Amino acid sequence: MATKAAAKNKSVRTPSGRKRARQSIKANAANTALRSRFRTAVKSVRKAIAAGDHAKAMEVFKANAPVLDSIADKKIFHKNTAARHKSRLNAAIKALAA
């Protein structure tokens, strides 16, 4: 990833362009971390669902739902994407109870 950033810097000529390149490197690192956090939250809920314990799965879902929302609010993922993930996870949890 750093090599892409270095290559990007070399092609920029203007001072404002260099600044934007620096900013984009920082933003990319932050966004990558948030995307990873989103995926980890979804995986942890799926893992709890796979274990088959409805109460535990619901507890993990309730803990991770705000994480999905906050990342959608920051526009890392679209709000509909976060809503879709939450809806499908919740449906899977409800299926455990039935």
Protein backbone atom coordinates (compact mmCIF):
# COMPACT_ATOMS: atom_id res chain seq x y z
CA MET A 1 0.00 0.00 0.00
CA ALA A 2 2.86 2.40 0.77
CA THR A 3 4.30 1.82 -2.69
CA LYS A 4 1.08 3.05 -4.28
CA ALA A 5 1.21 6.17 -2.13
CA ALA A 6 4.83 6.81 -3.08
CA ALA A 7 4.02 6.40 -6.76
CA LYS A 8 1.09 8.76 -6.37
CA ASN A 9 3.35 11.40 -4.79
CA LYS A 10 5.87 11.33 -7.64
CA SER A 11 3.32 12.26 -10.26
CA VAL A 12 2.02 15.29 -8.35
CA ARG A 13 3.57 18.64 -9.27
CA THR A 14 1.66 21.40 -7.53
CA PRO A 15 1.91 22.10 -3.78
CA SER A 16 -1.84 21.69 -3.38
CA GLY A 17 -1.64 18.38 -5.21
CA ARG A 18 1.14 17.19 -2.91
CA LYS A 19 -0.96 18.17 0.09
CA ARG A 20 -3.96 16.26 -1.28
CA ALA A 21 -1.73 13.22 -1.83
CA ARG A 22 -0.58 13.40 1.81
CA GLN A 23 -4.16 13.77 3.00
CA SER A 24 -5.37 10.89 0.86
CA ILE A 25 -2.73 8.59 2.38
CA LYS A 26 -3.98 9.41 5.89
CA ALA A 27 -7.63 9.10 4.87
CA ASN A 28 -6.96 5.78 3.15
CA ALA A 29 -5.35 4.37 6.30
CA ALA A 30 -8.26 5.53 8.47
CA ASN A 31 -10.87 4.22 6.03
CA THR A 32 -9.10 0.87 5.76
CA ALA A 33 -9.17 0.49 9.54
CA LEU A 34 -12.87 1.35 9.68
CA ARG A 35 -13.73 -1.08 6.86
CA SER A 36 -11.86 -3.77 8.77
CA ARG A 37 -13.77 -2.91 11.95
CA PHE A 38 -17.07 -3.21 10.05
CA ARG A 39 -16.17 -6.62 8.67
CA THR A 40 -14.92 -7.83 12.06
CA ALA A 41 -18.20 -6.78 13.68
CA VAL A 42 -20.22 -8.69 11.08
CA LYS A 43 -17.98 -11.76 11.45
CA SER A 44 -18.32 -11.77 15.24
CA VAL A 45 -22.11 -11.78 14.97
CA ARG A 46 -22.03 -14.54 12.34
CA LYS A 47 -19.75 -16.57 14.60
CA ALA A 48 -22.21 -16.19 17.49
CA ILE A 49 -25.07 -17.25 15.20
CA ALA A 50 -23.09 -20.29 14.04
CA ALA A 51 -22.60 -21.30 17.69
CA GLY A 52 -26.38 -21.65 17.90
CA ASP A 53 -26.96 -19.71 21.14
CA HIS A 54 -29.79 -17.23 20.54
CA ALA A 55 -29.19 -15.13 23.67
CA LYS A 56 -25.45 -14.81 23.03
CA ALA A 57 -26.00 -13.99 19.36
CA MET A 58 -28.52 -11.28 20.27
CA GLU A 59 -26.11 -9.83 22.82
CA VAL A 60 -23.25 -9.70 20.29
CA PHE A 61 -25.57 -8.20 17.67
CA LYS A 62 -26.74 -5.44 20.02
CA ALA A 63 -23.12 -4.63 20.87
CA ASN A 64 -22.07 -4.46 17.21
CA ALA A 65 -25.08 -2.74 15.62
CA PRO A 66 -23.90 0.75 16.69
CA VAL A 67 -20.50 0.01 15.14
CA LEU A 68 -22.15 -0.68 11.78
CA ASP A 69 -24.24 2.49 12.07
CA SER A 70 -21.31 4.72 13.02
CA ILE A 71 -19.23 3.50 10.09
CA ALA A 72 -22.17 4.11 7.76
CA ASP A 73 -22.55 7.62 9.23
CA LYS A 74 -18.91 8.28 8.32
CA LYS A 75 -19.75 7.18 4.76
CA ILE A 76 -17.18 4.40 4.71
CA PHE A 77 -20.01 2.06 3.75
CA HIS A 78 -23.32 3.28 2.37
CA LYS A 79 -26.11 3.45 4.95
CA ASN A 80 -28.14 0.93 2.94
CA THR A 81 -25.24 -1.53 3.05
CA ALA A 82 -25.08 -1.28 6.83
CA ALA A 83 -28.87 -1.61 7.07
CA ARG A 84 -28.81 -4.67 4.81
CA HIS A 85 -26.14 -6.36 6.94
CA LYS A 86 -28.02 -5.58 10.14
CA SER A 87 -31.29 -6.83 8.69
CA ARG A 88 -29.83 -10.12 7.49
CA LEU A 89 -27.98 -10.72 10.75
CA ASN A 90 -31.12 -9.98 12.74
CA ALA A 91 -33.16 -12.34 10.53
CA ALA A 92 -30.59 -15.09 11.11
CA ILE A 93 -30.78 -14.52 14.87
CA LYS A 94 -34.59 -14.68 14.78
CA ALA A 95 -34.36 -17.94 12.84
CA LEU A 96 -32.35 -19.39 15.74
CA ALA A 97 -35.22 -18.73 18.13
CA ALA A 98 -37.77 -20.46 15.91
